[in-house]
C-alpha atoms as a PDB file:
ATOM      1  CA  UNK A   1       0.092  -0.052   0.372  1.00  0.00           C
ATOM      2  CA  UNK A   2       1.289   3.350  -1.202  1.00  0.00           C
ATOM      3  CA  UNK A   3      -0.255   4.565   2.155  1.00  0.00           C
ATOM      4  CA  UNK A   4      -1.467   3.883   5.656  1.00  0.00           C
ATOM      5  CA  UNK A   5      -5.535   3.626   6.370  1.00  0.00           C
ATOM      6  CA  UNK A   6      -7.152   7.104   7.621  1.00  0.00           C
ATOM      7  CA  UNK A   7      -7.356   6.535  11.867  1.00  0.00           C
ATOM      8  CA  UNK A   8     -10.894   7.533  12.718  1.00  0.00           C
ATOM      9  CA  UNK A   9      -9.988  10.407  14.727  1.00  0.00           C
ATOM     10  CA  UNK A  10      -7.834  11.668  11.365  1.00  0.00           C
ATOM     11  CA  UNK A  11      -8.929  15.431  10.978  1.00  0.00           C
ATOM     12  CA  UNK A  12     -10.395  17.149   7.484  1.00  0.00           C
ATOM     13  CA  UNK A  13      -7.614  18.803   6.968  1.00  0.00           C
ATOM     14  CA  UNK A  14      -4.962  16.032   7.003  1.00  0.00           C
ATOM     15  CA  UNK A  15      -7.360  13.916   4.840  1.00  0.00           C
ATOM     16  CA  UNK A  16      -7.229  17.088   2.358  1.00  0.00           C
ATOM     17  CA  UNK A  17      -3.325  17.110   2.594  1.00  0.00           C
ATOM     18  CA  UNK A  18      -2.911  13.513   2.048  1.00  0.00           C
ATOM     19  CA  UNK A  19      -5.607  13.437  -1.152  1.00  0.00           C
ATOM     20  CA  UNK A  20      -3.379  16.360  -2.437  1.00  0.00           C
ATOM     21  CA  UNK A  21      -0.522  14.464  -2.129  1.00  0.00           C
ATOM     22  CA  UNK A  22      -2.022  11.069  -3.570  1.00  0.00           C
ATOM     23  CA  UNK A  23      -2.492  13.088  -6.674  1.00  0.00           C
ATOM     24  CA  UNK A  24       1.189  13.615  -7.032  1.00  0.00           C
ATOM     25  CA  UNK A  25       2.605  10.334  -5.757  1.00  0.00           C
ATOM     26  CA  UNK A  26       6.003   9.085  -6.644  1.00  0.00           C
ATOM     27  CA  UNK A  27       5.575   5.770  -7.736  1.00  0.00           C
ATOM     28  CA  UNK A  28       8.791   4.899  -9.062  1.00  0.00           C
ATOM     29  CA  UNK A  29      12.727   6.677  -9.004  1.00  0.00           C
ATOM     30  CA  UNK A  30      11.642   9.771  -9.757  1.00  0.00           C
ATOM     31  CA  UNK A  31       8.564   9.566 -11.458  1.00  0.00           C
ATOM     32  CA  UNK A  32       5.282  11.365 -10.370  1.00  0.00           C
ATOM     33  CA  UNK A  33       1.809   9.921 -10.848  1.00  0.00           C
ATOM     34  CA  UNK A  34      -0.752  12.834 -11.780  1.00  0.00           C
ATOM     35  CA  UNK A  35      -3.902  11.425 -11.325  1.00  0.00           C
ATOM     36  CA  UNK A  36      -6.639  12.455 -12.771  1.00  0.00           C
ATOM     37  CA  UNK A  37     -10.673  11.192 -12.278  1.00  0.00           C
ATOM     38  CA  UNK A  38     -11.576   8.169 -12.225  1.00  0.00           C
ATOM     39  CA  UNK A  39     -14.615   7.149 -15.638  1.00  0.00           C
ATOM     40  CA  UNK A  40     -16.739   4.212 -14.721  1.00  0.00           C
ATOM     41  CA  UNK A  41     -16.133   1.222 -16.969  1.00  0.00           C
ATOM     42  CA  UNK A  42     -13.324   2.897 -18.415  1.00  0.00           C
ATOM     43  CA  UNK A  43     -10.640   3.804 -15.679  1.00  0.00           C
ATOM     44  CA  UNK A  44      -8.144   7.054 -14.307  1.00  0.00           C
ATOM     45  CA  UNK A  45      -7.247   9.409 -16.262  1.00  0.00           C
ATOM     46  CA  UNK A  46      -3.887   9.749 -15.560  1.00  0.00           C
ATOM     47  CA  UNK A  47      -0.052  11.102 -16.300  1.00  0.00           C
ATOM     48  CA  UNK A  48       3.063  11.058 -15.450  1.00  0.00           C
ATOM     49  CA  UNK A  49       5.786  13.129 -15.109  1.00  0.00           C
ATOM     50  CA  UNK A  50       9.672  12.199 -14.991  1.00  0.00           C
ATOM     51  CA  UNK A  51      11.882  14.478 -12.813  1.00  0.00           C
ATOM     52  CA  UNK A  52      15.865  13.935 -13.943  1.00  0.00           C
ATOM     53  CA  UNK A  53      18.097  16.646 -13.067  1.00  0.00           C
ATOM     54  CA  UNK A  54      15.906  19.600 -12.899  1.00  0.00           C
ATOM     55  CA  UNK A  55      14.444  18.318 -16.387  1.00  0.00           C
ATOM     56  CA  UNK A  56      10.524  17.263 -16.467  1.00  0.00           C
ATOM     57  CA  UNK A  57       8.968  15.097 -18.833  1.00  0.00           C
ATOM     58  CA  UNK A  58       5.376  14.149 -19.193  1.00  0.00           C
ATOM     59  CA  UNK A  59       3.800  11.202 -20.522  1.00  0.00           C
ATOM     60  CA  UNK A  60       0.246  11.350 -21.979  1.00  0.00           C
ATOM     61  CA  UNK A  61      -0.960  14.956 -20.912  1.00  0.00           C
ATOM     62  CA  UNK A  62      -4.463  13.226 -20.729  1.00  0.00           C
ATOM     63  CA  UNK A  63      -8.275  14.345 -21.904  1.00  0.00           C
ATOM     64  CA  UNK A  64      -9.150  18.239 -22.333  1.00  0.00           C
ATOM     65  CA  UNK A  65      -9.866  18.529 -18.691  1.00  0.00           C
ATOM     66  CA  UNK A  66      -8.064  15.620 -17.000  1.00  0.00           C
ATOM     67  CA  UNK A  67      -5.820  15.616 -15.214  1.00  0.00           C
ATOM     68  CA  UNK A  68      -5.349  19.435 -16.986  1.00  0.00           C
ATOM     69  CA  UNK A  69      -4.186  22.010 -14.128  1.00  0.00           C
ATOM     70  CA  UNK A  70      -3.034  19.536 -12.020  1.00  0.00           C
ATOM     71  CA  UNK A  71       0.236  18.652 -13.844  1.00  0.00           C
ATOM     72  CA  UNK A  72       1.307  21.892 -13.768  1.00  0.00           C
ATOM     73  CA  UNK A  73       0.079  22.444 -10.402  1.00  0.00           C
ATOM     74  CA  UNK A  74       2.473  19.288  -9.632  1.00  0.00           C
ATOM     75  CA  UNK A  75       5.569  20.749 -11.695  1.00  0.00           C
ATOM     76  CA  UNK A  76       5.409  23.643  -9.573  1.00  0.00           C
ATOM     77  CA  UNK A  77       4.867  21.424  -6.150  1.00  0.00           C
ATOM     78  CA  UNK A  78       8.457  19.749  -7.395  1.00  0.00           C
ATOM     79  CA  UNK A  79       9.955  23.462  -7.615  1.00  0.00           C
ATOM     80  CA  UNK A  80       9.891  23.191 -11.406  1.00  0.00           C
ATOM     81  CA  UNK A  81       9.031  26.098 -13.491  1.00  0.00           C
ATOM     82  CA  UNK A  82       6.604  24.610 -15.987  1.00  0.00           C
ATOM     83  CA  UNK A  83       7.626  27.077 -18.713  1.00  0.00           C
ATOM     84  CA  UNK A  84      11.478  26.495 -18.683  1.00  0.00           C
ATOM     85  CA  UNK A  85      11.948  22.688 -17.178  1.00  0.00           C
ATOM     86  CA  UNK A  86       9.317  20.761 -19.196  1.00  0.00           C
ATOM     87  CA  UNK A  87      11.822  19.026 -21.862  1.00  0.00           C
ATOM     88  CA  UNK A  88       9.060  17.038 -23.931  1.00  0.00           C
ATOM     89  CA  UNK A  89       5.479  15.876 -23.794  1.00  0.00           C
ATOM     90  CA  UNK A  90       5.581  12.298 -24.574  1.00  0.00           C
ATOM     91  CA  UNK A  91       1.947  10.672 -26.290  1.00  0.00           C
ATOM     92  CA  UNK A  92       2.195   6.750 -26.213  1.00  0.00           C
ATOM     93  CA  UNK A  93      -0.876   7.192 -29.006  1.00  0.00           C
ATOM     94  CA  UNK A  94      -3.135   9.221 -30.422  1.00  0.00           C
ATOM     95  CA  UNK A  95      -6.585   8.850 -28.513  1.00  0.00           C
ATOM     96  CA  UNK A  96      -8.744  11.737 -27.020  1.00  0.00           C
ATOM     97  CA  UNK A  97      -8.043  10.208 -23.355  1.00  0.00           C
ATOM     98  CA  UNK A  98      -3.921  10.442 -24.053  1.00  0.00           C
ATOM     99  CA  UNK A  99      -3.584  13.688 -26.496  1.00  0.00           C
ATOM    100  CA  UNK A 100      -6.855  16.123 -25.723  1.00  0.00           C
ATOM    101  CA  UNK A 101      -4.825  18.007 -23.295  1.00  0.00           C
ATOM    102  CA  UNK A 102      -1.556  17.821 -25.531  1.00  0.00           C
ATOM    103  CA  UNK A 103      -1.885  21.506 -27.153  1.00  0.00           C
ATOM    104  CA  UNK A 104      -3.060  23.150 -23.535  1.00  0.00           C
ATOM    105  CA  UNK A 105      -0.212  21.807 -22.032  1.00  0.00           C
ATOM    106  CA  UNK A 106       2.334  22.941 -24.494  1.00  0.00           C
ATOM    107  CA  UNK A 107       0.549  26.286 -24.316  1.00  0.00           C
ATOM    108  CA  UNK A 108       1.424  26.410 -20.766  1.00  0.00           C
ATOM    109  CA  UNK A 109       5.342  24.659 -20.805  1.00  0.00           C
ATOM    110  CA  UNK A 110       6.166  25.598 -24.498  1.00  0.00           C
ATOM    111  CA  UNK A 111       7.557  21.571 -24.590  1.00  0.00           C
ATOM    112  CA  UNK A 112       8.039  19.996 -27.733  1.00  0.00           C
ATOM    113  CA  UNK A 113       4.812  17.550 -28.140  1.00  0.00           C
ATOM    114  CA  UNK A 114       6.385  13.864 -29.593  1.00  0.00           C
ATOM    115  CA  UNK A 115       4.527  10.977 -30.814  1.00  0.00           C
ATOM    116  CA  UNK A 116       4.712   7.643 -32.705  1.00  0.00           C
ATOM    117  CA  UNK A 117       5.065   8.339 -36.896  1.00  0.00           C
ATOM    118  CA  UNK A 118       1.721   6.717 -37.649  1.00  0.00           C
ATOM    119  CA  UNK A 119      -0.181   8.133 -34.971  1.00  0.00           C
ATOM    120  CA  UNK A 120       0.876  12.007 -36.008  1.00  0.00           C
ATOM    121  CA  UNK A 121      -1.853  13.063 -38.206  1.00  0.00           C
ATOM    122  CA  UNK A 122      -4.265  12.170 -35.747  1.00  0.00           C
ATOM    123  CA  UNK A 123      -2.775  13.959 -33.216  1.00  0.00           C
ATOM    124  CA  UNK A 124      -2.769  17.414 -35.818  1.00  0.00           C
ATOM    125  CA  UNK A 125      -6.458  16.398 -36.856  1.00  0.00           C
ATOM    126  CA  UNK A 126      -9.024  15.003 -34.059  1.00  0.00           C
ATOM    127  CA  UNK A 127     -11.597  14.497 -36.432  1.00  0.00           C
ATOM    128  CA  UNK A 128      -9.451  11.792 -37.851  1.00  0.00           C
ATOM    129  CA  UNK A 129      -9.983   9.603 -35.166  1.00  0.00           C
ATOM    130  CA  UNK A 130     -13.997   9.513 -35.906  1.00  0.00           C
ATOM    131  CA  UNK A 131     -13.037   9.100 -39.514  1.00  0.00           C
ATOM    132  CA  UNK A 132     -10.103   6.623 -39.013  1.00  0.00           C
ATOM    133  CA  UNK A 133      -9.750   4.850 -36.085  1.00  0.00           C
ATOM    134  CA  UNK A 134     -13.179   3.765 -35.124  1.00  0.00           C
ATOM    135  CA  UNK A 135     -15.768   1.279 -36.601  1.00  0.00           C
ATOM    136  CA  UNK A 136     -18.943   3.617 -37.020  1.00  0.00           C
ATOM    137  CA  UNK A 137     -22.315   2.981 -38.153  1.00  0.00           C
ATOM    138  CA  UNK A 138     -23.948   5.659 -40.261  1.00  0.00           C
ATOM    139  CA  UNK A 139     -25.227   7.748 -36.953  1.00  0.00           C
ATOM    140  CA  UNK A 140     -22.225   7.034 -35.371  1.00  0.00           C
ATOM    141  CA  UNK A 141     -20.618  10.601 -36.006  1.00  0.00           C
ATOM    142  CA  UNK A 142     -23.622  12.052 -34.836  1.00  0.00           C
ATOM    143  CA  UNK A 143     -24.001  10.361 -31.574  1.00  0.00           C
ATOM    144  CA  UNK A 144     -19.867  10.889 -31.179  1.00  0.00           C
ATOM    145  CA  UNK A 145     -21.044  14.060 -31.212  1.00  0.00           C
ATOM    146  CA  UNK A 146     -22.758  14.063 -27.872  1.00  0.00           C
ATOM    147  CA  UNK A 147     -20.188  11.774 -26.062  1.00  0.00           C
ATOM    148  CA  UNK A 148     -19.085  12.479 -23.052  1.00  0.00           C
ATOM    149  CA  UNK A 149     -16.425   9.482 -22.492  1.00  0.00           C
ATOM    150  CA  UNK A 150     -12.844  10.081 -22.309  1.00  0.00           C
ATOM    151  CA  UNK A 151     -13.260   9.441 -25.489  1.00  0.00           C
ATOM    152  CA  UNK A 152     -15.183  12.421 -26.824  1.00  0.00           C
ATOM    153  CA  UNK A 153     -13.315  14.494 -29.317  1.00  0.00           C
ATOM    154  CA  UNK A 154     -13.662  18.032 -27.971  1.00  0.00           C
ATOM    155  CA  UNK A 155      -9.898  19.438 -28.644  1.00  0.00           C
ATOM    156  CA  UNK A 156      -7.917  21.311 -30.882  1.00  0.00           C
ATOM    157  CA  UNK A 157      -4.794  19.272 -32.796  1.00  0.00           C
ATOM    158  CA  UNK A 158      -1.347  20.306 -32.624  1.00  0.00           C
ATOM    159  CA  UNK A 159       1.339  18.974 -34.732  1.00  0.00           C
ATOM    160  CA  UNK A 160       3.878  17.630 -33.389  1.00  0.00           C
ATOM    161  CA  UNK A 161       7.697  19.324 -33.117  1.00  0.00           C
ATOM    162  CA  UNK A 162       8.705  15.779 -34.891  1.00  0.00           C
ATOM    163  CA  UNK A 163       7.445  12.140 -34.655  1.00  0.00           C
ATOM    164  CA  UNK A 164       9.171   9.040 -32.660  1.00  0.00           C
ATOM    165  CA  UNK A 165      11.058   6.506 -34.108  1.00  0.00           C
ATOM    166  CA  UNK A 166      11.328   2.770 -32.909  1.00  0.00           C
ATOM    167  CA  UNK A 167      14.293   2.095 -30.572  1.00  0.00           C
ATOM    168  CA  UNK A 168      15.474   5.752 -30.597  1.00  0.00           C
ATOM    169  CA  UNK A 169      16.861   7.182 -27.004  1.00  0.00           C
ATOM    170  CA  UNK A 170      15.505  10.431 -25.488  1.00  0.00           C
ATOM    171  CA  UNK A 171      17.659  11.699 -22.914  1.00  0.00           C
ATOM    172  CA  UNK A 172      16.622  13.619 -19.687  1.00  0.00           C
ATOM    173  CA  UNK A 173      18.989  15.219 -17.604  1.00  0.00           C
ATOM    174  CA  UNK A 174      21.414  11.918 -17.042  1.00  0.00           C
ATOM    175  CA  UNK A 175      18.808   9.477 -17.949  1.00  0.00           C
ATOM    176  CA  UNK A 176      17.556   7.815 -20.924  1.00  0.00           C
ATOM    177  CA  UNK A 177      14.140   6.752 -22.320  1.00  0.00           C
ATOM    178  CA  UNK A 178      14.253   4.101 -24.937  1.00  0.00           C
ATOM    179  CA  UNK A 179      11.440   4.144 -27.648  1.00  0.00           C
ATOM    180  CA  UNK A 180       9.325   1.009 -28.537  1.00  0.00           C
ATOM    181  CA  UNK A 181       6.841   1.280 -31.268  1.00  0.00           C
ATOM    182  CA  UNK A 182       4.535  -1.921 -29.975  1.00  0.00           C
ATOM    183  CA  UNK A 183       1.805  -1.085 -32.931  1.00  0.00           C
ATOM    184  CA  UNK A 184      -0.989  -3.510 -31.296  1.00  0.00           C
ATOM    185  CA  UNK A 185      -3.408  -0.617 -29.633  1.00  0.00           C
ATOM    186  CA  UNK A 186      -2.968   1.150 -32.674  1.00  0.00           C
ATOM    187  CA  UNK A 187      -0.560   1.985 -35.182  1.00  0.00           C
ATOM    188  CA  UNK A 188       1.683   4.017 -33.925  1.00  0.00           C
ATOM    189  CA  UNK A 189       1.430   3.343 -30.289  1.00  0.00           C
ATOM    190  CA  UNK A 190       4.776   3.628 -28.501  1.00  0.00           C
ATOM    191  CA  UNK A 191       5.704   2.401 -24.602  1.00  0.00           C
ATOM    192  CA  UNK A 192       8.833   4.127 -22.866  1.00  0.00           C
ATOM    193  CA  UNK A 193      11.573   2.454 -20.901  1.00  0.00           C
ATOM    194  CA  UNK A 194      13.980   3.993 -18.722  1.00  0.00           C
ATOM    195  CA  UNK A 195      16.680   1.049 -18.814  1.00  0.00           C
ATOM    196  CA  UNK A 196      18.526   2.410 -15.440  1.00  0.00           C
ATOM    197  CA  UNK A 197      15.491   1.992 -13.092  1.00  0.00           C
ATOM    198  CA  UNK A 198      13.513  -0.636 -15.027  1.00  0.00           C
ATOM    199  CA  UNK A 199      10.534   1.593 -15.605  1.00  0.00           C
ATOM    200  CA  UNK A 200       8.054   0.896 -18.503  1.00  0.00           C
ATOM    201  CA  UNK A 201       5.294   3.172 -19.110  1.00  0.00           C
ATOM    202  CA  UNK A 202       2.618   1.182 -21.087  1.00  0.00           C
ATOM    203  CA  UNK A 203      -0.119   3.799 -22.059  1.00  0.00           C
ATOM    204  CA  UNK A 204      -2.755   1.142 -23.477  1.00  0.00           C
ATOM    205  CA  UNK A 205      -0.505  -1.664 -24.314  1.00  0.00           C
ATOM    206  CA  UNK A 206      -0.524  -3.154 -20.889  1.00  0.00           C
ATOM    207  CA  UNK A 207      -3.132  -2.370 -18.394  1.00  0.00           C
ATOM    208  CA  UNK A 208      -6.174  -0.462 -20.577  1.00  0.00           C
ATOM    209  CA  UNK A 209      -8.927  -1.524 -17.811  1.00  0.00           C
ATOM    210  CA  UNK A 210      -8.382  -1.306 -13.663  1.00  0.00           C
ATOM    211  CA  UNK A 211      -8.132  -4.699 -12.241  1.00  0.00           C
ATOM    212  CA  UNK A 212      -8.254  -6.613 -15.453  1.00  0.00           C
ATOM    213  CA  UNK A 213      -5.103  -7.108 -17.676  1.00  0.00           C
ATOM    214  CA  UNK A 214      -7.322  -9.173 -19.832  1.00  0.00           C
ATOM    215  CA  UNK A 215      -9.818  -6.587 -20.791  1.00  0.00           C
ATOM    216  CA  UNK A 216      -8.737  -4.483 -23.932  1.00  0.00           C
ATOM    217  CA  UNK A 217      -9.798  -2.403 -26.815  1.00  0.00           C
ATOM    218  CA  UNK A 218      -7.663  -1.310 -30.317  1.00  0.00           C
ATOM    219  CA  UNK A 219      -8.425   1.040 -32.961  1.00  0.00           C
ATOM    220  CA  UNK A 220      -8.679   0.107 -36.691  1.00  0.00           C
ATOM    221  CA  UNK A 221      -4.922   0.508 -37.578  1.00  0.00           C
ATOM    222  CA  UNK A 222      -4.079  -1.989 -34.409  1.00  0.00           C
ATOM    223  CA  UNK A 223      -3.082  -5.296 -35.084  1.00  0.00           C
ATOM    224  CA  UNK A 224      -3.501  -7.980 -32.460  1.00  0.00           C
ATOM    225  CA  UNK A 225      -0.592 -10.155 -34.130  1.00  0.00           C
ATOM    226  CA  UNK A 226       2.079  -7.316 -33.584  1.00  0.00           C
ATOM    227  CA  UNK A 227       0.696  -6.549 -29.898  1.00  0.00           C
ATOM    228  CA  UNK A 228       1.169 -10.291 -28.830  1.00  0.00           C
ATOM    229  CA  UNK A 229       5.057 -10.355 -30.490  1.00  0.00           C
ATOM    230  CA  UNK A 230       5.450  -6.990 -28.327  1.00  0.00           C
ATOM    231  CA  UNK A 231       4.018  -8.213 -24.843  1.00  0.00           C
ATOM    232  CA  UNK A 232       6.323 -11.099 -25.858  1.00  0.00           C
ATOM    233  CA  UNK A 233       9.233  -9.004 -26.274  1.00  0.00           C
ATOM    234  CA  UNK A 234       8.192  -6.523 -22.974  1.00  0.00           C
ATOM    235  CA  UNK A 235       8.245  -9.914 -20.966  1.00  0.00           C
ATOM    236  CA  UNK A 236      11.989 -10.121 -21.698  1.00  0.00           C
ATOM    237  CA  UNK A 237      12.780  -6.983 -20.535  1.00  0.00           C
ATOM    238  CA  UNK A 238      13.882  -6.234 -16.450  1.00  0.00           C
ATOM    239  CA  UNK A 239      11.132  -4.620 -15.539  1.00  0.00           C
ATOM    240  CA  UNK A 240      10.544  -3.205 -11.819  1.00  0.00           C
ATOM    241  CA  UNK A 241       7.757  -0.624 -12.194  1.00  0.00           C
ATOM    242  CA  UNK A 242       4.564  -1.363 -14.975  1.00  0.00           C
ATOM    243  CA  UNK A 243       3.463   2.654 -15.045  1.00  0.00           C
ATOM    244  CA  UNK A 244      -0.082   2.066 -17.455  1.00  0.00           C
ATOM    245  CA  UNK A 245      -2.363   5.090 -18.084  1.00  0.00           C
ATOM    246  CA  UNK A 246      -5.650   3.715 -16.749  1.00  0.00           C
ATOM    247  CA  UNK A 247      -4.662   1.357 -14.160  1.00  0.00           C
ATOM    248  CA  UNK A 248      -2.601   1.774 -11.283  1.00  0.00           C
ATOM    249  CA  UNK A 249       0.866   0.952 -11.360  1.00  0.00           C
ATOM    250  CA  UNK A 250       2.449  -2.352 -11.012  1.00  0.00           C
ATOM    251  CA  UNK A 251       5.777  -3.628  -8.968  1.00  0.00           C
ATOM    252  CA  UNK A 252       8.067  -6.132  -9.363  1.00  0.00           C
ATOM    253  CA  UNK A 253       6.551  -9.602  -9.711  1.00  0.00           C
ATOM    254  CA  UNK A 254       3.280  -8.022 -10.146  1.00  0.00           C
ATOM    255  CA  UNK A 255       4.663  -6.732 -13.554  1.00  0.00           C
ATOM    256  CA  UNK A 256       4.906  -9.695 -15.543  1.00  0.00           C
ATOM    257  CA  UNK A 257       1.472 -11.322 -13.990  1.00  0.00           C
ATOM    258  CA  UNK A 258      -0.043  -8.137 -16.122  1.00  0.00           C
ATOM    259  CA  UNK A 259       1.776  -8.649 -19.230  1.00  0.00           C
ATOM    260  CA  UNK A 260       1.050 -12.576 -19.085  1.00  0.00           C
ATOM    261  CA  UNK A 261      -2.552 -11.247 -18.320  1.00  0.00           C
ATOM    262  CA  UNK A 262      -2.780  -9.340 -21.216  1.00  0.00           C
ATOM    263  CA  UNK A 263      -1.162 -11.651 -23.773  1.00  0.00           C
ATOM    264  CA  UNK A 264      -4.089 -14.222 -22.536  1.00  0.00           C
ATOM    265  CA  UNK A 265      -6.422 -11.522 -22.769  1.00  0.00           C
ATOM    266  CA  UNK A 266      -5.952 -11.496 -26.387  1.00  0.00           C
ATOM    267  CA  UNK A 267      -6.222 -14.824 -26.881  1.00  0.00           C
ATOM    268  CA  UNK A 268      -9.276 -15.753 -24.979  1.00  0.00           C
ATOM    269  CA  UNK A 269     -10.954 -13.152 -27.157  1.00  0.00           C
ATOM    270  CA  UNK A 270      -9.754 -14.621 -30.514  1.00  0.00           C
ATOM    271  CA  UNK A 271     -11.029 -17.866 -29.685  1.00  0.00           C
ATOM    272  CA  UNK A 272     -13.844 -16.552 -28.655  1.00  0.00           C
ATOM    273  CA  UNK A 273     -15.010 -14.450 -31.896  1.00  0.00           C
ATOM    274  CA  UNK A 274     -13.791 -17.708 -33.630  1.00  0.00           C
ATOM    275  CA  UNK A 275     -16.343 -20.076 -31.295  1.00  0.00           C
ATOM    276  CA  UNK A 276     -18.907 -17.840 -32.290  1.00  0.00           C
ATOM    277  CA  UNK A 277     -18.457 -17.850 -36.486  1.00  0.00           C
ATOM    278  CA  UNK A 278     -17.690 -21.278 -36.191  1.00  0.00           C
ATOM    279  CA  UNK A 279     -21.111 -22.358 -33.888  1.00  0.00           C
ATOM    280  CA  UNK A 280     -23.215 -20.035 -36.242  1.00  0.00           C
ATOM    281  CA  UNK A 281     -21.594 -21.241 -39.180  1.00  0.00           C
ATOM    282  CA  UNK A 282     -21.500 -17.090 -40.596  1.00  0.00           C
ATOM    283  CA  UNK A 283     -22.199 -13.922 -38.295  1.00  0.00           C
ATOM    284  CA  UNK A 284     -21.589 -10.325 -38.968  1.00  0.00           C
ATOM    285  CA  UNK A 285     -19.861  -8.264 -36.599  1.00  0.00           C
ATOM    286  CA  UNK A 286     -23.433  -6.739 -35.205  1.00  0.00           C
ATOM    287  CA  UNK A 287     -23.990 -10.991 -34.113  1.00  0.00           C
ATOM    288  CA  UNK A 288     -20.548 -11.458 -32.720  1.00  0.00           C
ATOM    289  CA  UNK A 289     -20.890  -8.084 -30.534  1.00  0.00           C
ATOM    290  CA  UNK A 290     -24.218  -9.389 -29.129  1.00  0.00           C
ATOM    291  CA  UNK A 291     -23.209 -12.775 -28.702  1.00  0.00           C
ATOM    292  CA  UNK A 292     -19.981 -11.595 -26.402  1.00  0.00           C
ATOM    293  CA  UNK A 293     -21.403  -9.448 -24.561  1.00  0.00           C
ATOM    294  CA  UNK A 294     -24.622 -11.755 -23.542  1.00  0.00           C
ATOM    295  CA  UNK A 295     -21.926 -14.918 -23.654  1.00  0.00           C
ATOM    296  CA  UNK A 296     -20.514 -13.614 -20.141  1.00  0.00           C
ATOM    297  CA  UNK A 297     -17.290 -15.955 -20.768  1.00  0.00           C
ATOM    298  CA  UNK A 298     -14.930 -13.353 -21.903  1.00  0.00           C
ATOM    299  CA  UNK A 299     -13.750  -9.889 -21.226  1.00  0.00           C
ATOM    300  CA  UNK A 300     -15.154  -7.328 -23.742  1.00  0.00           C
ATOM    301  CA  UNK A 301     -14.230  -3.551 -23.826  1.00  0.00           C
ATOM    302  CA  UNK A 302     -16.325  -1.117 -21.965  1.00  0.00           C
ATOM    303  CA  UNK A 303     -16.558   2.623 -21.781  1.00  0.00           C
ATOM    304  CA  UNK A 304     -18.042   3.692 -25.175  1.00  0.00           C
ATOM    305  CA  UNK A 305     -20.281   1.578 -27.293  1.00  0.00           C
ATOM    306  CA  UNK A 306     -17.930   1.746 -30.573  1.00  0.00           C
ATOM    307  CA  UNK A 307     -15.015   0.011 -29.028  1.00  0.00           C
ATOM    308  CA  UNK A 308     -16.308  -3.303 -28.946  1.00  0.00           C
ATOM    309  CA  UNK A 309     -17.088  -3.578 -32.790  1.00  0.00           C
ATOM    310  CA  UNK A 310     -14.175  -1.830 -33.857  1.00  0.00           C
ATOM    311  CA  UNK A 311     -12.056  -4.425 -31.641  1.00  0.00           C
ATOM    312  CA  UNK A 312     -14.210  -7.665 -33.191  1.00  0.00           C
ATOM    313  CA  UNK A 313     -13.088  -5.927 -36.649  1.00  0.00           C
ATOM    314  CA  UNK A 314      -9.485  -6.394 -36.019  1.00  0.00           C
ATOM    315  CA  UNK A 315     -10.031  -9.416 -34.378  1.00  0.00           C
ATOM    316  CA  UNK A 316     -11.711 -10.982 -37.274  1.00  0.00           C
ATOM    317  CA  UNK A 317      -9.076  -9.961 -39.781  1.00  0.00           C
ATOM    318  CA  UNK A 318      -6.225 -11.218 -37.310  1.00  0.00           C
ATOM    319  CA  UNK A 319      -7.697 -14.519 -37.489  1.00  0.00           C
ATOM    320  CA  UNK A 320      -8.244 -14.008 -41.873  1.00  0.00           C
ATOM    321  CA  UNK A 321      -4.423 -13.504 -41.733  1.00  0.00           C
ATOM    322  CA  UNK A 322      -4.173 -16.915 -40.010  1.00  0.00           C
ATOM    323  CA  UNK A 323      -6.216 -18.922 -42.027  1.00  0.00           C
ATOM    324  CA  UNK A 324      -9.240 -19.121 -39.575  1.00  0.00           C
ATOM    325  CA  UNK A 325     -11.919 -16.901 -40.848  1.00  0.00           C
ATOM    326  CA  UNK A 326     -13.045 -14.970 -44.220  1.00  0.00           C
ATOM    327  CA  UNK A 327     -15.199 -12.509 -45.086  1.00  0.00           C
ATOM    328  CA  UNK A 328     -17.984 -12.394 -48.119  1.00  0.00           C
ATOM    329  CA  UNK A 329     -19.688  -8.719 -47.857  1.00  0.00           C
ATOM    330  CA  UNK A 330     -19.371  -8.335 -44.259  1.00  0.00           C
ATOM    331  CA  UNK A 331     -20.136 -11.811 -43.409  1.00  0.00           C
ATOM    332  CA  UNK A 332     -17.650 -13.347 -41.807  1.00  0.00           C
ATOM    333  CA  UNK A 333     -17.147 -17.662 -41.996  1.00  0.00           C
ATOM    334  CA  UNK A 334     -14.893 -20.118 -40.427  1.00  0.00           C
ATOM    335  CA  UNK A 335     -12.173 -21.656 -42.508  1.00  0.00           C
END
């Protein structure tokens, strides 16, 4: 536990002080969790601040509103000047819950915004997220216009200072960050690894939902085969601190349980989709989503109604690539 339970006679000022400190918890050496609000069916909306030798890097600025000003407050509470000491804003990928606050944070810090190459166009033009990354029905755009989930596109875009390349090393103070383009959750998704202290910022590639490593979703550019390969590669790294965007941090032996759970979740979801297609003989995506939701034997994505059909579409393509399913005019059947 990061904090001891409150005693019955703890006064209100102590509770408030502890709540403030908890918002800026140091969760790994020189790394602070800036915890935003908790969204039911989705998880926390959080950022991380890395501090090394008087320099800071923010990982995932969050939505247009969360964690929002908390990040600036945290920087100042650490004795840093947001306009002078923030070296970069790193985005693991282009989804609204990770980049919605990028431009606002850039305006406050003047720090360059960096993202994986395949996700750069969405960062610059957020409306493309709805057009290119979600499987939406004809009325889907209207539905998303009234969306209040963290996937809401209600923020201005920003062109990245430059794009991140797989394997490059970023320097902060006397330390370095290795960029790993995992390509699973989205084509441009990157995780960030700090080998000296064995820290991994996993974005949405691991730990997408609190307390359920098997539950996941991908966008239309995602690749389940690439995601499984990435999880296998990450399992070979020495990781003492796993820092996901929407779940709590995991340490030491918990790390590999999360990685293996994420891989198991993908395989279980693939098998569940294949079972439905095989048992029915043929099915479209709407039918598969209905069956998955009502079967209750596999974790399905929540938080937005279009995450499940989008993930099913990508899963079907992975089965097609494996020679296990085929499509004919939107109807899928087993091979």
